[in-house]
Each structure stands twice: as C-alpha cells, then as structure tokens.
Amino acid sequence: MPDRYSSTFANLSSPAIDAFAITPDDATDLPEITRALYIGIGGDLSVVTKEGGSVTLVNLLAGTVLPIRVRAVRATGSTAQSVVGLV
C-alpha cells in the first residue's frame, strides 16, 4: 500500500504510527515508551513516566488522548479501562 509519508522523519509532534492495548500491571513495564495514551473508559490512571516519576492522573474522561510519555501503567490506583498506548 502506498505511503506518501514513508520518507518523512517521525517526531513527537507527528501523529502516532502504531498502538497497543495496555493492561495495567504493578510489576511489568510496557513493551515500549508511549508518545500518548488513549483512555477508552474513564477513571484514574496510575503511571510511571519516561523519566521514572510516579503519578496518578485522576478523573480522566473517556475518549481522552493524553500527550504523556510513560514507561508503565500500574494496576494499583488505576480504575480507567480500555487504555491504548500510542507510539
């Protein structure tokens, strides 16, 4: 399939080029650091940022795209569901 943008350099302001479902886990990091998170079902989300900071993002609305780079999404403290990592 043709891709007119295949020769352009992707950076953090570019659209995501892939996505993966995230299952919050207290012990395991994500397979890769995200460029953003999509929240399918709203709630709280406990994350570890790219730089290692831990924070709980509260009262996230369904359908929100958060431009945050995270290395992990923790189960403890998370109530949001259907979270997708955008890369």
PDB file of N, CA and C in Angstrom:
ATOM      1  N   MET A   1       0.846  -1.168   0.000  1.00  0.00           N
ATOM      2  CA  MET A   1       0.000   0.000   0.000  1.00  0.00           C
ATOM      3  C   MET A   1       0.897   1.238   0.000  1.00  0.00           C
ATOM      4  N   PRO A   2       0.640   2.193  -0.836  1.00  0.00           N
ATOM      5  CA  PRO A   2       1.461   3.408  -0.888  1.00  0.00           C
ATOM      6  C   PRO A   2       1.354   4.213   0.408  1.00  0.00           C
ATOM      7  N   ASP A   3       2.469   4.814   0.803  1.00  0.00           N
ATOM      8  CA  ASP A   3       2.517   5.685   1.976  1.00  0.00           C
ATOM      9  C   ASP A   3       3.311   6.925   1.598  1.00  0.00           C
ATOM     10  N   ARG A   4       2.618   8.008   1.311  1.00  0.00           N
ATOM     11  CA  ARG A   4       3.297   9.216   0.846  1.00  0.00           C
ATOM     12  C   ARG A   4       4.206   9.826   1.900  1.00  0.00           C
ATOM     13  N   TYR A   5       4.074   9.391   3.151  1.00  0.00           N
ATOM     14  CA  TYR A   5       4.890   9.957   4.220  1.00  0.00           C
ATOM     15  C   TYR A   5       5.998   9.015   4.687  1.00  0.00           C
ATOM     16  N   SER A   6       6.251   7.951   3.963  1.00  0.00           N
ATOM     17  CA  SER A   6       7.237   6.959   4.397  1.00  0.00           C
ATOM     18  C   SER A   6       8.651   7.516   4.474  1.00  0.00           C
ATOM     19  N   SER A   7       8.947   8.563   3.748  1.00  0.00           N
ATOM     20  CA  SER A   7      10.306   9.109   3.767  1.00  0.00           C
ATOM     21  C   SER A   7      10.455  10.286   4.729  1.00  0.00           C
ATOM     22  N   THR A   8       9.403  10.618   5.470  1.00  0.00           N
ATOM     23  CA  THR A   8       9.497  11.723   6.420  1.00  0.00           C
ATOM     24  C   THR A   8       9.886  11.204   7.789  1.00  0.00           C
ATOM     25  N   PHE A   9      10.552  12.053   8.554  1.00  0.00           N
ATOM     26  CA  PHE A   9      11.012  11.697   9.886  1.00  0.00           C
ATOM     27  C   PHE A   9       9.876  11.900  10.891  1.00  0.00           C
ATOM     28  N   ALA A  10       9.587  10.876  11.677  1.00  0.00           N
ATOM     29  CA  ALA A  10       8.557  10.983  12.715  1.00  0.00           C
ATOM     30  C   ALA A  10       9.172  11.579  13.979  1.00  0.00           C
ATOM     31  N   ASN A  11       8.502  12.577  14.556  1.00  0.00           N
ATOM     32  CA  ASN A  11       8.935  13.126  15.834  1.00  0.00           C
ATOM     33  C   ASN A  11       7.727  13.196  16.764  1.00  0.00           C
ATOM     34  N   LEU A  12       7.916  13.741  17.948  1.00  0.00           N
ATOM     35  CA  LEU A  12       6.836  13.712  18.939  1.00  0.00           C
ATOM     36  C   LEU A  12       5.624  14.546  18.557  1.00  0.00           C
ATOM     37  N   SER A  13       5.765  15.461  17.622  1.00  0.00           N
ATOM     38  CA  SER A  13       4.595  16.226  17.192  1.00  0.00           C
ATOM     39  C   SER A  13       3.886  15.567  16.011  1.00  0.00           C
ATOM     40  N   SER A  14       4.453  14.487  15.494  1.00  0.00           N
ATOM     41  CA  SER A  14       3.831  13.738  14.400  1.00  0.00           C
ATOM     42  C   SER A  14       2.707  12.862  14.949  1.00  0.00           C
ATOM     43  N   PRO A  15       1.778  12.445  14.103  1.00  0.00           N
ATOM     44  CA  PRO A  15       0.747  11.506  14.547  1.00  0.00           C
ATOM     45  C   PRO A  15       1.376  10.174  14.957  1.00  0.00           C
ATOM     46  N   ALA A  16       0.693   9.464  15.814  1.00  0.00           N
ATOM     47  CA  ALA A  16       1.158   8.129  16.204  1.00  0.00           C
ATOM     48  C   ALA A  16       1.211   7.233  14.972  1.00  0.00           C
ATOM     49  N   ILE A  17       2.167   6.312  14.962  1.00  0.00           N
ATOM     50  CA  ILE A  17       2.286   5.389  13.831  1.00  0.00           C
ATOM     51  C   ILE A  17       1.890   3.965  14.206  1.00  0.00           C
ATOM     52  N   ASP A  18       1.641   3.729  15.494  1.00  0.00           N
ATOM     53  CA  ASP A  18       1.200   2.412  15.936  1.00  0.00           C
ATOM     54  C   ASP A  18       0.515   2.559  17.287  1.00  0.00           C
ATOM     55  N   ALA A  19      -0.124   1.491  17.728  1.00  0.00           N
ATOM     56  CA  ALA A  19      -0.844   1.500  19.001  1.00  0.00           C
ATOM     57  C   ALA A  19      -0.867   0.095  19.574  1.00  0.00           C
ATOM     58  N   PHE A  20      -1.001   0.004  20.900  1.00  0.00           N
ATOM     59  CA  PHE A  20      -1.116  -1.299  21.549  1.00  0.00           C
ATOM     60  C   PHE A  20      -1.994  -1.180  22.788  1.00  0.00           C
ATOM     61  N   ALA A  21      -2.742  -2.251  23.065  1.00  0.00           N
ATOM     62  CA  ALA A  21      -3.596  -2.288  24.255  1.00  0.00           C
ATOM     63  C   ALA A  21      -2.722  -2.376  25.497  1.00  0.00           C
ATOM     64  N   ILE A  22      -3.140  -1.686  26.542  1.00  0.00           N
ATOM     65  CA  ILE A  22      -2.393  -1.686  27.798  1.00  0.00           C
ATOM     66  C   ILE A  22      -3.232  -2.340  28.878  1.00  0.00           C
ATOM     67  N   THR A  23      -2.655  -3.341  29.528  1.00  0.00           N
ATOM     68  CA  THR A  23      -3.239  -3.942  30.715  1.00  0.00           C
ATOM     69  C   THR A  23      -2.418  -3.459  31.904  1.00  0.00           C
ATOM     70  N   PRO A  24      -3.009  -2.653  32.797  1.00  0.00           N
ATOM     71  CA  PRO A  24      -2.242  -2.173  33.944  1.00  0.00           C
ATOM     72  C   PRO A  24      -1.639  -3.331  34.733  1.00  0.00           C
ATOM     73  N   ASP A  25      -0.387  -3.164  35.152  1.00  0.00           N
ATOM     74  CA  ASP A  25       0.357  -4.221  35.838  1.00  0.00           C
ATOM     75  C   ASP A  25       1.306  -3.561  36.830  1.00  0.00           C
ATOM     76  N   ASP A  26       1.306  -4.054  38.072  1.00  0.00           N
ATOM     77  CA  ASP A  26       2.152  -3.464  39.101  1.00  0.00           C
ATOM     78  C   ASP A  26       3.617  -3.863  38.999  1.00  0.00           C
ATOM     79  N   ALA A  27       3.948  -4.887  38.223  1.00  0.00           N
ATOM     80  CA  ALA A  27       5.324  -5.374  38.182  1.00  0.00           C
ATOM     81  C   ALA A  27       6.008  -5.231  36.828  1.00  0.00           C
ATOM     82  N   THR A  28       5.234  -5.108  35.761  1.00  0.00           N
ATOM     83  CA  THR A  28       5.816  -5.145  34.419  1.00  0.00           C
ATOM     84  C   THR A  28       5.677  -3.800  33.719  1.00  0.00           C
ATOM     85  N   ASP A  29       6.770  -3.360  33.097  1.00  0.00           N
ATOM     86  CA  ASP A  29       6.732  -2.142  32.291  1.00  0.00           C
ATOM     87  C   ASP A  29       6.115  -2.438  30.929  1.00  0.00           C
ATOM     88  N   LEU A  30       5.753  -1.399  30.213  1.00  0.00           N
ATOM     89  CA  LEU A  30       5.196  -1.533  28.870  1.00  0.00           C
ATOM     90  C   LEU A  30       6.277  -2.015  27.901  1.00  0.00           C
ATOM     91  N   PRO A  31       5.886  -2.574  26.752  1.00  0.00           N
ATOM     92  CA  PRO A  31       6.882  -3.041  25.790  1.00  0.00           C
ATOM     93  C   PRO A  31       7.695  -1.900  25.175  1.00  0.00           C
ATOM     94  N   GLU A  32       7.146  -0.683  25.168  1.00  0.00           N
ATOM     95  CA  GLU A  32       7.891   0.493  24.723  1.00  0.00           C
ATOM     96  C   GLU A  32       7.274   1.738  25.340  1.00  0.00           C
ATOM     97  N   ILE A  33       8.051   2.796  25.404  1.00  0.00           N
ATOM     98  CA  ILE A  33       7.574   4.054  25.968  1.00  0.00           C
ATOM     99  C   ILE A  33       6.583   4.693  25.001  1.00  0.00           C
ATOM    100  N   THR A  34       5.484   5.169  25.553  1.00  0.00           N
ATOM    101  CA  THR A  34       4.423   5.732  24.712  1.00  0.00           C
ATOM    102  C   THR A  34       4.734   7.166  24.289  1.00  0.00           C
ATOM    103  N   ARG A  35       4.032   7.598  23.291  1.00  0.00           N
ATOM    104  CA  ARG A  35       4.020   9.005  22.867  1.00  0.00           C
ATOM    105  C   ARG A  35       2.777   9.665  23.471  1.00  0.00           C
ATOM    106  N   ALA A  36       1.726   8.855  23.671  1.00  0.00           N
ATOM    107  CA  ALA A  36       0.472   9.340  24.246  1.00  0.00           C
ATOM    108  C   ALA A  36      -0.346   8.136  24.706  1.00  0.00           C
ATOM    109  N   LEU A  37      -1.381   8.407  25.488  1.00  0.00           N
ATOM    110  CA  LEU A  37      -2.312   7.371  25.939  1.00  0.00           C
ATOM    111  C   LEU A  37      -3.723   7.752  25.513  1.00  0.00           C
ATOM    112  N   TYR A  38      -4.482   6.759  25.081  1.00  0.00           N
ATOM    113  CA  TYR A  38      -5.905   6.939  24.797  1.00  0.00           C
ATOM    114  C   TYR A  38      -6.672   6.256  25.920  1.00  0.00           C
ATOM    115  N   ILE A  39      -7.651   6.942  26.497  1.00  0.00           N
ATOM    116  CA  ILE A  39      -8.458   6.405  27.587  1.00  0.00           C
ATOM    117  C   ILE A  39      -9.818   6.013  27.024  1.00  0.00           C
ATOM    118  N   GLY A  40     -10.115   4.714  27.008  1.00  0.00           N
ATOM    119  CA  GLY A  40     -11.381   4.233  26.467  1.00  0.00           C
ATOM    120  C   GLY A  40     -12.536   4.381  27.439  1.00  0.00           C
ATOM    121  N   ILE A  41     -12.308   3.998  28.693  1.00  0.00           N
ATOM    122  CA  ILE A  41     -13.313   4.111  29.747  1.00  0.00           C
ATOM    123  C   ILE A  41     -12.692   4.946  30.858  1.00  0.00           C
ATOM    124  N   GLY A  42     -13.329   6.036  31.217  1.00  0.00           N
ATOM    125  CA  GLY A  42     -12.754   7.000  32.144  1.00  0.00           C
ATOM    126  C   GLY A  42     -12.515   6.475  33.545  1.00  0.00           C
ATOM    127  N   GLY A  43     -11.695   7.207  34.275  1.00  0.00           N
ATOM    128  CA  GLY A  43     -11.352   6.867  35.650  1.00  0.00           C
ATOM    129  C   GLY A  43      -9.982   7.426  35.982  1.00  0.00           C
ATOM    130  N   ASP A  44      -9.343   6.836  36.985  1.00  0.00           N
ATOM    131  CA  ASP A  44      -7.997   7.235  37.390  1.00  0.00           C
ATOM    132  C   ASP A  44      -6.977   6.326  36.720  1.00  0.00           C
ATOM    133  N   LEU A  45      -5.756   6.835  36.521  1.00  0.00           N
ATOM    134  CA  LEU A  45      -4.709   6.039  35.901  1.00  0.00           C
ATOM    135  C   LEU A  45      -3.391   6.326  36.602  1.00  0.00           C
ATOM    136  N   SER A  46      -2.796   5.277  37.152  1.00  0.00           N
ATOM    137  CA  SER A  46      -1.513   5.375  37.835  1.00  0.00           C
ATOM    138  C   SER A  46      -0.409   5.006  36.852  1.00  0.00           C
ATOM    139  N   VAL A  47       0.504   5.950  36.603  1.00  0.00           N
ATOM    140  CA  VAL A  47       1.536   5.736  35.591  1.00  0.00           C
ATOM    141  C   VAL A  47       2.925   6.006  36.155  1.00  0.00           C
ATOM    142  N   VAL A  48       3.916   5.458  35.450  1.00  0.00           N
ATOM    143  CA  VAL A  48       5.318   5.801  35.676  1.00  0.00           C
ATOM    144  C   VAL A  48       5.780   6.489  34.396  1.00  0.00           C
ATOM    145  N   THR A  49       6.239   7.717  34.522  1.00  0.00           N
ATOM    146  CA  THR A  49       6.646   8.487  33.350  1.00  0.00           C
ATOM    147  C   THR A  49       7.954   7.967  32.763  1.00  0.00           C
ATOM    148  N   LYS A  50       8.279   8.448  31.588  1.00  0.00           N
ATOM    149  CA  LYS A  50       9.521   8.074  30.919  1.00  0.00           C
ATOM    150  C   LYS A  50      10.724   8.306  31.825  1.00  0.00           C
ATOM    151  N   GLU A  51      10.703   9.387  32.587  1.00  0.00           N
ATOM    152  CA  GLU A  51      11.824   9.725  33.462  1.00  0.00           C
ATOM    153  C   GLU A  51      11.756   9.045  34.826  1.00  0.00           C
ATOM    154  N   GLY A  52      10.710   8.232  35.076  1.00  0.00           N
ATOM    155  CA  GLY A  52      10.636   7.460  36.314  1.00  0.00           C
ATOM    156  C   GLY A  52       9.756   8.030  37.402  1.00  0.00           C
ATOM    157  N   GLY A  53       9.092   9.130  37.149  1.00  0.00           N
ATOM    158  CA  GLY A  53       8.191   9.695  38.145  1.00  0.00           C
ATOM    159  C   GLY A  53       6.874   8.936  38.191  1.00  0.00           C
ATOM    160  N   SER A  54       6.342   8.752  39.393  1.00  0.00           N
ATOM    161  CA  SER A  54       5.056   8.069  39.567  1.00  0.00           C
ATOM    162  C   SER A  54       3.981   9.101  39.871  1.00  0.00           C
ATOM    163  N   VAL A  55       2.852   8.980  39.175  1.00  0.00           N
ATOM    164  CA  VAL A  55       1.759   9.922  39.372  1.00  0.00           C
ATOM    165  C   VAL A  55       0.447   9.222  39.038  1.00  0.00           C
ATOM    166  N   THR A  56      -0.612   9.610  39.756  1.00  0.00           N
ATOM    167  CA  THR A  56      -1.947   9.126  39.428  1.00  0.00           C
ATOM    168  C   THR A  56      -2.722  10.273  38.796  1.00  0.00           C
ATOM    169  N   LEU A  57      -3.163  10.051  37.575  1.00  0.00           N
ATOM    170  CA  LEU A  57      -3.968  11.028  36.845  1.00  0.00           C
ATOM    171  C   LEU A  57      -5.426  10.733  37.182  1.00  0.00           C
ATOM    172  N   VAL A  58      -6.118  11.685  37.783  1.00  0.00           N
ATOM    173  CA  VAL A  58      -7.453  11.418  38.310  1.00  0.00           C
ATOM    174  C   VAL A  58      -8.553  11.971  37.412  1.00  0.00           C
ATOM    175  N   ASN A  59      -9.689  11.287  37.480  1.00  0.00           N
ATOM    176  CA  ASN A  59     -10.917  11.713  36.794  1.00  0.00           C
ATOM    177  C   ASN A  59     -10.742  11.922  35.291  1.00  0.00           C
ATOM    178  N   LEU A  60     -10.030  11.018  34.640  1.00  0.00           N
ATOM    179  CA  LEU A  60      -9.853  11.113  33.190  1.00  0.00           C
ATOM    180  C   LEU A  60     -11.161  10.770  32.494  1.00  0.00           C
ATOM    181  N   LEU A  61     -11.485  11.501  31.467  1.00  0.00           N
ATOM    182  CA  LEU A  61     -12.719  11.270  30.724  1.00  0.00           C
ATOM    183  C   LEU A  61     -12.507  10.247  29.618  1.00  0.00           C
ATOM    184  N   ALA A  62     -13.533   9.462  29.345  1.00  0.00           N
ATOM    185  CA  ALA A  62     -13.488   8.514  28.231  1.00  0.00           C
ATOM    186  C   ALA A  62     -13.250   9.278  26.937  1.00  0.00           C
ATOM    187  N   GLY A  63     -12.425   8.717  26.074  1.00  0.00           N
ATOM    188  CA  GLY A  63     -12.132   9.336  24.792  1.00  0.00           C
ATOM    189  C   GLY A  63     -10.993  10.332  24.820  1.00  0.00           C
ATOM    190  N   THR A  64     -10.372  10.506  25.981  1.00  0.00           N
ATOM    191  CA  THR A  64      -9.274  11.454  26.122  1.00  0.00           C
ATOM    192  C   THR A  64      -7.982  10.888  25.539  1.00  0.00           C
ATOM    193  N   VAL A  65      -7.232  11.729  24.840  1.00  0.00           N
ATOM    194  CA  VAL A  65      -5.868  11.392  24.426  1.00  0.00           C
ATOM    195  C   VAL A  65      -4.933  12.261  25.258  1.00  0.00           C
ATOM    196  N   LEU A  66      -4.073  11.606  26.036  1.00  0.00           N
ATOM    197  CA  LEU A  66      -3.140  12.313  26.910  1.00  0.00           C
ATOM    198  C   LEU A  66      -1.756  12.311  26.280  1.00  0.00           C
ATOM    199  N   PRO A  67      -1.185  13.466  25.987  1.00  0.00           N
ATOM    200  CA  PRO A  67       0.149  13.511  25.398  1.00  0.00           C
ATOM    201  C   PRO A  67       1.216  13.344  26.477  1.00  0.00           C
ATOM    202  N   ILE A  68       1.329  12.121  27.001  1.00  0.00           N
ATOM    203  CA  ILE A  68       2.277  11.844  28.073  1.00  0.00           C
ATOM    204  C   ILE A  68       3.076  10.593  27.730  1.00  0.00           C
ATOM    205  N   ARG A  69       4.380  10.673  27.933  1.00  0.00           N
ATOM    206  CA  ARG A  69       5.261   9.542  27.650  1.00  0.00           C
ATOM    207  C   ARG A  69       5.410   8.736  28.938  1.00  0.00           C
ATOM    208  N   VAL A  70       4.954   7.494  28.919  1.00  0.00           N
ATOM    209  CA  VAL A  70       5.026   6.642  30.104  1.00  0.00           C
ATOM    210  C   VAL A  70       5.734   5.336  29.787  1.00  0.00           C
ATOM    211  N   ARG A  71       6.368   4.797  30.829  1.00  0.00           N
ATOM    212  CA  ARG A  71       7.035   3.500  30.705  1.00  0.00           C
ATOM    213  C   ARG A  71       6.225   2.380  31.337  1.00  0.00           C
ATOM    214  N   ALA A  72       5.252   2.754  32.211  1.00  0.00           N
ATOM    215  CA  ALA A  72       4.439   1.737  32.879  1.00  0.00           C
ATOM    216  C   ALA A  72       3.088   2.322  33.260  1.00  0.00           C
ATOM    217  N   VAL A  73       2.084   1.449  33.286  1.00  0.00           N
ATOM    218  CA  VAL A  73       0.761   1.782  33.813  1.00  0.00           C
ATOM    219  C   VAL A  73       0.497   0.769  34.914  1.00  0.00           C
ATOM    220  N   ARG A  74       0.335   1.249  36.119  1.00  0.00           N
ATOM    221  CA  ARG A  74       0.187   0.381  37.284  1.00  0.00           C
ATOM    222  C   ARG A  74      -1.283   0.052  37.561  1.00  0.00           C
ATOM    223  N   ALA A  75      -1.523  -1.172  38.028  1.00  0.00           N
ATOM    224  CA  ALA A  75      -2.879  -1.617  38.350  1.00  0.00           C
ATOM    225  C   ALA A  75      -3.383  -0.940  39.626  1.00  0.00           C
ATOM    226  N   THR A  76      -2.506  -0.875  40.638  1.00  0.00           N
ATOM    227  CA  THR A  76      -2.888  -0.245  41.896  1.00  0.00           C
ATOM    228  C   THR A  76      -3.111   1.244  41.666  1.00  0.00           C
ATOM    229  N   GLY A  77      -4.280   1.709  41.987  1.00  0.00           N
ATOM    230  CA  GLY A  77      -4.621   3.112  41.811  1.00  0.00           C
ATOM    231  C   GLY A  77      -5.271   3.436  40.478  1.00  0.00           C
ATOM    232  N   SER A  78      -5.384   2.442  39.595  1.00  0.00           N
ATOM    233  CA  SER A  78      -5.986   2.677  38.277  1.00  0.00           C
ATOM    234  C   SER A  78      -7.399   2.124  38.221  1.00  0.00           C
ATOM    235  N   THR A  79      -8.325   2.948  37.741  1.00  0.00           N
ATOM    236  CA  THR A  79      -9.696   2.493  37.510  1.00  0.00           C
ATOM    237  C   THR A  79     -10.106   2.685  36.051  1.00  0.00           C
ATOM    238  N   ALA A  80      -9.354   3.492  35.303  1.00  0.00           N
ATOM    239  CA  ALA A  80      -9.630   3.675  33.872  1.00  0.00           C
ATOM    240  C   ALA A  80      -9.411   2.346  33.153  1.00  0.00           C
ATOM    241  N   GLN A  81     -10.147   2.125  32.081  1.00  0.00           N
ATOM    242  CA  GLN A  81     -10.052   0.864  31.341  1.00  0.00           C
ATOM    243  C   GLN A  81      -9.939   1.133  29.846  1.00  0.00           C
ATOM    244  N   SER A  82      -9.654   0.065  29.119  1.00  0.00           N
ATOM    245  CA  SER A  82      -9.502   0.152  27.660  1.00  0.00           C
ATOM    246  C   SER A  82      -8.490   1.228  27.286  1.00  0.00           C
ATOM    247  N   VAL A  83      -7.341   1.168  27.951  1.00  0.00           N
ATOM    248  CA  VAL A  83      -6.265   2.130  27.714  1.00  0.00           C
ATOM    249  C   VAL A  83      -5.418   1.635  26.546  1.00  0.00           C
ATOM    250  N   VAL A  84      -5.062   2.548  25.663  1.00  0.00           N
ATOM    251  CA  VAL A  84      -4.255   2.216  24.488  1.00  0.00           C
ATOM    252  C   VAL A  84      -3.014   3.097  24.494  1.00  0.00           C
ATOM    253  N   GLY A  85      -1.863   2.471  24.290  1.00  0.00           N
ATOM    254  CA  GLY A  85      -0.619   3.216  24.141  1.00  0.00           C
ATOM    255  C   GLY A  85      -0.431   3.610  22.688  1.00  0.00           C
ATOM    256  N   LEU A  86      -0.174   4.870  22.444  1.00  0.00           N
ATOM    257  CA  LEU A  86       0.085   5.367  21.092  1.00  0.00           C
ATOM    258  C   LEU A  86       1.580   5.619  20.956  1.00  0.00           C
ATOM    259  N   VAL A  87       2.158   5.125  19.868  1.00  0.00           N
ATOM    260  CA  VAL A  87       3.605   5.269  19.651  1.00  0.00           C
ATOM    261  C   VAL A  87       3.885   5.805  18.262  1.00  0.00           C
TER     262      VAL A  87
END
